[in-house]
Amino acid sequence: MRKAIAFLLAATSLPLAGQWLDYRDPRTPRTRDGQPNLTAPAPRLNGKPDLTGLWQAERTPDSEFARVLGDGYSTLQVDTRDITKNVASVFWGMKPDEEPLRPEAASILKHRLQNQLERPITQCLPGGIPLAMLIFTFKMIQSPQEIVMLPESGDPPRQIYTDGRSLPKDPEPTRWGTQLASGRVIRWWSKQQASTTGRGSTHSATRSESMRITERYHRRDFGHMDLEITFDDPKYYTRPFTIKTGVKLIPDSDILEYVCAENEKDRVHLGK
């Protein structure tokens, strides 16, 4: 992995957010002293794990950013408490010659590196998967027929159907496309070509219309969940690849609204 990362992508678009709400949710199991019991058994809905809750991807320790980025760590222009390592790179931990980029994708990433203002998130457009789930929080609401996901990043809500329908032969021309879930697995397909996540000044990963994304959730207990996201895009990548992260429940709180363009003052400086 290259050492020098300026990380302007995240710095231009991510606010410093915090969850300060304090509503004592009666559905939350508690210890004797009244604190949320995050190791209690996971809730279930119709016999299946219920993913409902306010979640946040586990933050990467500053020591790991420093270990991998080396001297480049000092150039980060964003609070690392608001991001995870896979916001910096979907290829975190890979050597440059191990990254499964095809030449066409490498050309797009080089162009975005040289043209900061063309990056979707810099224009206050949706960041997509996995970015929407690796910064701030996201809320999941599960019902028997669908799961609704509300990202705090400002991305549109996700509607994930669990009613047994199949992916269409021709994907929908929307940013989220068609999203289906079976058990703990979510699959989705869309015609939109949008950014999936960034790698500072080195990478800003993209996807083509052939991309298939599969998310796997495992709620280990009330307050902890494992998340795997697999990307399969034969047009832009030489092989499928997967990122993994832990996700923690934020109890007694709720999602906060975020408007990307409100009081935004950074983009005017990117071309200088």
Protein backbone atom coordinates (compact mmCIF):
# COMPACT_ATOMS: atom_id res chain seq x y z
CA MET A 1 0.00 0.00 0.00
CA ARG A 2 1.37 3.41 -0.88
CA LYS A 3 2.45 5.49 2.11
CA ALA A 4 1.37 9.05 1.24
CA ILE A 5 -2.36 9.61 1.54
CA ALA A 6 -3.78 13.13 1.58
CA PHE A 7 -7.32 11.96 2.27
CA LEU A 8 -9.05 15.00 0.80
CA LEU A 9 -12.04 12.87 -0.21
CA ALA A 10 -13.25 12.36 3.33
CA ALA A 11 -12.08 15.69 4.63
CA THR A 12 -14.23 17.63 2.18
CA SER A 13 -17.45 15.87 2.96
CA LEU A 14 -17.63 14.39 6.45
CA PRO A 15 -18.80 16.42 9.43
CA LEU A 16 -17.76 15.75 12.98
CA ALA A 17 -20.77 13.85 14.22
CA GLY A 18 -21.64 12.52 17.63
CA GLN A 19 -24.60 10.69 19.13
CA TRP A 20 -25.74 12.72 22.13
CA LEU A 21 -29.36 11.54 22.35
CA ASP A 22 -30.20 9.66 25.55
CA TYR A 23 -33.54 7.87 25.28
CA ARG A 24 -33.85 4.88 27.60
CA ASP A 25 -35.16 2.29 25.14
CA PRO A 26 -37.40 -0.22 26.96
CA ARG A 27 -36.40 -2.95 24.47
CA THR A 28 -32.76 -2.80 25.59
CA PRO A 29 -31.68 -5.48 28.10
CA ARG A 30 -29.85 -4.02 31.06
CA THR A 31 -27.47 -5.03 33.80
CA ARG A 32 -28.31 -4.59 37.47
CA ASP A 33 -26.90 -1.08 37.48
CA GLY A 34 -29.17 -0.08 34.59
CA GLN A 35 -26.52 -0.03 31.87
CA PRO A 36 -27.26 -1.59 28.45
CA ASN A 37 -26.26 -5.25 28.42
CA LEU A 38 -24.57 -5.52 25.03
CA THR A 39 -23.64 -9.17 25.57
CA ALA A 40 -27.25 -10.29 26.10
CA PRO A 41 -28.73 -12.68 23.50
CA ALA A 42 -29.57 -11.19 20.11
CA PRO A 43 -33.29 -10.47 19.57
CA ARG A 44 -35.25 -12.49 17.03
CA LEU A 45 -38.15 -11.77 14.70
CA ASN A 46 -40.29 -14.69 13.52
CA GLY A 47 -37.53 -17.06 14.63
CA LYS A 48 -34.77 -15.24 12.72
CA PRO A 49 -32.12 -12.80 14.00
CA ASP A 50 -33.49 -9.26 14.14
CA LEU A 51 -30.97 -6.70 12.88
CA THR A 52 -32.99 -3.72 14.10
CA GLY A 53 -30.88 -1.10 15.84
CA LEU A 54 -28.52 1.83 15.47
CA TRP A 55 -25.11 0.54 14.40
CA GLN A 56 -21.61 1.85 13.85
CA ALA A 57 -18.62 0.11 12.29
CA GLU A 58 -15.82 -0.47 14.79
CA ARG A 59 -13.21 2.28 14.54
CA THR A 60 -9.69 1.47 13.45
CA PRO A 61 -7.08 2.30 16.15
CA ASP A 62 -4.80 5.22 15.37
CA SER A 63 -1.89 2.83 15.88
CA GLU A 64 -2.97 0.79 12.83
CA PHE A 65 -3.32 3.89 10.64
CA ALA A 66 0.20 4.91 11.71
CA ARG A 67 1.60 1.40 11.17
CA VAL A 68 0.24 1.02 7.63
CA LEU A 69 0.53 4.60 6.40
CA GLY A 70 3.84 5.43 8.03
CA ASP A 71 4.85 8.99 7.24
CA GLY A 72 1.59 9.45 5.32
CA TYR A 73 -0.37 9.27 8.58
CA SER A 74 0.59 12.84 9.43
CA THR A 75 -1.05 14.10 6.21
CA LEU A 76 -4.53 12.80 7.07
CA GLN A 77 -6.97 15.70 7.02
CA VAL A 78 -9.86 14.03 8.81
CA ASP A 79 -10.57 12.87 12.35
CA THR A 80 -9.83 9.14 12.25
CA ARG A 81 -12.38 8.60 15.02
CA ASP A 82 -15.06 9.15 12.35
CA ILE A 83 -13.80 6.55 9.87
CA THR A 84 -12.51 3.00 9.53
CA LYS A 85 -9.52 1.70 7.60
CA ASN A 86 -11.71 0.64 4.65
CA VAL A 87 -12.81 4.23 4.15
CA ALA A 88 -9.15 4.95 3.50
CA SER A 89 -8.96 1.92 1.19
CA VAL A 90 -11.12 -1.02 0.19
CA PHE A 91 -7.78 -2.73 -0.41
CA TRP A 92 -6.46 -2.06 3.08
CA GLY A 93 -3.69 -4.48 3.94
CA MET A 94 -2.99 -5.49 0.33
CA LYS A 95 0.29 -4.78 -1.41
CA PRO A 96 -0.06 -2.70 -4.61
CA ASP A 97 0.63 -5.75 -6.81
CA GLU A 98 -2.13 -7.69 -4.98
CA GLU A 99 -4.89 -5.17 -5.67
CA PRO A 100 -7.35 -6.69 -8.17
CA LEU A 101 -7.69 -3.60 -10.40
CA ARG A 102 -8.06 -3.93 -14.16
CA PRO A 103 -6.41 -1.21 -16.30
CA GLU A 104 -9.76 0.46 -17.06
CA ALA A 105 -10.50 0.87 -13.35
CA ALA A 106 -6.96 2.09 -12.64
CA SER A 107 -7.42 4.75 -15.33
CA ILE A 108 -10.65 5.97 -13.72
CA LEU A 109 -9.02 6.12 -10.30
CA LYS A 110 -6.07 8.07 -11.66
CA HIS A 111 -8.45 10.56 -13.27
CA ARG A 112 -10.33 11.05 -9.99
CA LEU A 113 -7.06 11.56 -8.16
CA GLN A 114 -6.20 14.37 -10.53
CA ASN A 115 -9.72 15.85 -10.56
CA GLN A 116 -10.90 16.06 -6.94
CA LEU A 117 -14.06 17.98 -7.82
CA GLU A 118 -15.38 15.14 -10.00
CA ARG A 119 -15.59 12.67 -7.14
CA PRO A 120 -19.25 11.92 -6.37
CA ILE A 121 -18.99 12.49 -2.63
CA THR A 122 -17.19 15.79 -3.16
CA GLN A 123 -20.28 16.90 -5.09
CA CYS A 124 -22.52 15.86 -2.17
CA LEU A 125 -23.72 12.83 -4.15
CA PRO A 126 -24.27 9.46 -2.44
CA GLY A 127 -21.11 7.63 -1.45
CA GLY A 128 -22.67 4.18 -1.85
CA ILE A 129 -21.55 0.89 -0.36
CA PRO A 130 -19.49 0.41 1.73
CA LEU A 131 -18.85 4.10 2.50
CA ALA A 132 -22.37 4.70 3.85
CA MET A 133 -21.82 1.97 6.44
CA LEU A 134 -18.26 2.78 7.48
CA ILE A 135 -18.69 6.41 8.57
CA PHE A 136 -20.99 7.67 11.32
CA THR A 137 -23.93 5.36 12.08
CA PHE A 138 -26.65 3.54 10.19
CA LYS A 139 -30.07 2.49 11.45
CA MET A 140 -31.68 -0.83 10.51
CA ILE A 141 -35.41 -1.45 10.85
CA GLN A 142 -36.47 -5.06 10.20
CA SER A 143 -40.00 -6.20 9.39
CA PRO A 144 -41.26 -9.56 8.04
CA GLN A 145 -41.28 -8.25 4.45
CA GLU A 146 -38.29 -5.94 4.24
CA ILE A 147 -35.38 -4.28 5.99
CA VAL A 148 -35.04 -0.51 5.85
CA MET A 149 -31.57 0.96 6.32
CA LEU A 150 -31.08 4.65 7.08
CA PRO A 151 -27.46 5.85 6.68
CA GLU A 152 -26.42 8.87 8.71
CA SER A 153 -24.02 9.79 5.88
CA GLY A 154 -26.79 11.47 3.87
CA ASP A 155 -27.14 8.61 1.38
CA PRO A 156 -30.74 7.70 0.40
CA PRO A 157 -32.61 5.13 2.53
CA ARG A 158 -32.21 1.51 1.46
CA GLN A 159 -35.18 -0.83 0.98
CA ILE A 160 -34.06 -4.45 1.21
CA TYR A 161 -36.82 -6.92 0.36
CA THR A 162 -37.13 -10.20 2.27
CA ASP A 163 -40.34 -11.43 0.60
CA GLY A 164 -38.72 -14.00 -1.69
CA ARG A 165 -38.58 -12.03 -4.93
CA SER A 166 -35.65 -12.50 -7.35
CA LEU A 167 -33.15 -10.03 -8.73
CA PRO A 168 -34.39 -8.65 -12.08
CA LYS A 169 -32.65 -9.60 -15.32
CA ASP A 170 -32.28 -5.90 -16.10
CA PRO A 171 -31.19 -3.92 -13.01
CA GLU A 172 -32.96 -0.74 -12.01
CA PRO A 173 -31.22 2.53 -13.06
CA THR A 174 -31.02 3.85 -9.49
CA ARG A 175 -28.15 4.28 -7.08
CA TRP A 176 -29.36 1.54 -4.74
CA GLY A 177 -30.90 -0.64 -7.45
CA THR A 178 -32.68 -3.82 -6.36
CA GLN A 179 -31.71 -5.16 -2.95
CA LEU A 180 -32.82 -8.55 -1.65
CA ALA A 181 -32.13 -10.43 1.57
CA SER A 182 -32.28 -14.10 2.44
CA GLY A 183 -31.39 -15.08 5.97
CA ARG A 184 -28.40 -12.95 6.93
CA VAL A 185 -27.29 -12.26 3.33
CA ILE A 186 -28.13 -9.10 1.34
CA ARG A 187 -27.49 -8.97 -2.42
CA TRP A 188 -27.98 -6.00 -4.67
CA TRP A 189 -27.57 -4.92 -8.29
CA SER A 190 -27.87 -1.51 -9.96
CA LYS A 191 -27.11 0.12 -13.31
CA GLN A 192 -25.76 3.24 -11.65
CA GLN A 193 -21.99 3.63 -11.76
CA ALA A 194 -21.06 5.28 -8.48
CA SER A 195 -18.18 5.46 -6.07
CA THR A 196 -18.04 2.68 -3.51
CA THR A 197 -15.39 4.15 -1.25
CA GLY A 198 -12.17 6.09 -1.37
CA ARG A 199 -8.50 5.64 -0.80
CA GLY A 200 -7.43 9.18 -0.22
CA SER A 201 -5.12 10.43 -2.93
CA THR A 202 -4.40 6.89 -4.08
CA HIS A 203 -7.72 5.21 -4.79
CA SER A 204 -11.39 6.05 -5.11
CA ALA A 205 -12.90 2.71 -5.97
CA THR A 206 -15.60 2.52 -8.61
CA ARG A 207 -17.98 -0.06 -10.00
CA SER A 208 -19.54 -0.85 -13.36
CA GLU A 209 -23.02 -2.05 -14.29
CA SER A 210 -21.79 -5.62 -13.86
CA MET A 211 -21.02 -5.19 -10.16
CA ARG A 212 -22.74 -7.54 -7.71
CA ILE A 213 -22.40 -6.72 -4.02
CA THR A 214 -23.17 -9.24 -1.27
CA GLU A 215 -23.39 -8.27 2.40
CA ARG A 216 -23.35 -10.88 5.16
CA TYR A 217 -24.50 -9.97 8.67
CA HIS A 218 -24.05 -12.05 11.82
CA ARG A 219 -25.50 -10.56 14.99
CA ARG A 220 -23.44 -12.34 17.62
CA ASP A 221 -25.32 -10.91 20.58
CA PHE A 222 -27.41 -7.87 21.43
CA GLY A 223 -24.65 -5.32 20.90
CA HIS A 224 -22.22 -6.84 18.39
CA MET A 225 -22.42 -7.85 14.75
CA ASP A 226 -19.99 -9.14 12.12
CA LEU A 227 -20.24 -7.67 8.61
CA GLU A 228 -18.65 -8.95 5.39
CA ILE A 229 -19.05 -7.14 2.06
CA THR A 230 -18.00 -8.92 -1.14
CA PHE A 231 -17.53 -7.06 -4.43
CA ASP A 232 -17.71 -8.93 -7.73
CA ASP A 233 -17.22 -6.79 -10.85
CA PRO A 234 -15.48 -8.63 -13.72
CA LYS A 235 -15.27 -5.43 -15.77
CA TYR A 236 -13.20 -3.45 -13.28
CA TYR A 237 -11.67 -6.10 -11.00
CA THR A 238 -9.69 -9.23 -11.75
CA ARG A 239 -11.37 -11.19 -8.96
CA PRO A 240 -13.99 -10.77 -6.24
CA PHE A 241 -12.69 -9.30 -2.98
CA THR A 242 -14.15 -8.98 0.52
CA ILE A 243 -13.82 -6.51 3.36
CA LYS A 244 -14.71 -7.42 6.95
CA THR A 245 -15.53 -5.31 9.97
CA GLY A 246 -17.13 -5.54 13.37
CA VAL A 247 -20.23 -3.43 14.01
CA LYS A 248 -21.35 -2.20 17.44
CA LEU A 249 -24.80 -1.21 18.61
CA ILE A 250 -25.27 2.37 19.82
CA PRO A 251 -27.90 1.93 22.57
CA ASP A 252 -30.40 4.53 23.79
CA SER A 253 -29.74 6.79 20.81
CA ASP A 254 -30.99 7.50 17.29
CA ILE A 255 -29.79 8.55 13.89
CA LEU A 256 -29.07 12.24 13.34
CA GLU A 257 -29.86 14.12 10.15
CA TYR A 258 -27.03 15.22 7.89
CA VAL A 259 -27.22 17.57 4.89
CA CYS A 260 -23.98 17.50 2.95
CA ALA A 261 -24.27 20.89 1.24
CA GLU A 262 -25.38 22.84 4.30
CA ASN A 263 -22.70 25.39 5.23
CA GLU A 264 -20.23 23.52 3.02
CA LYS A 265 -17.04 25.56 2.54
CA ASP A 266 -14.36 23.10 1.43
CA ARG A 267 -14.90 22.41 -2.28
CA VAL A 268 -13.76 25.90 -3.34
CA HIS A 269 -10.29 25.07 -2.03
CA LEU A 270 -9.84 21.73 -3.85
CA GLY A 271 -8.80 23.22 -7.18
CA LYS A 272 -6.11 25.38 -5.64
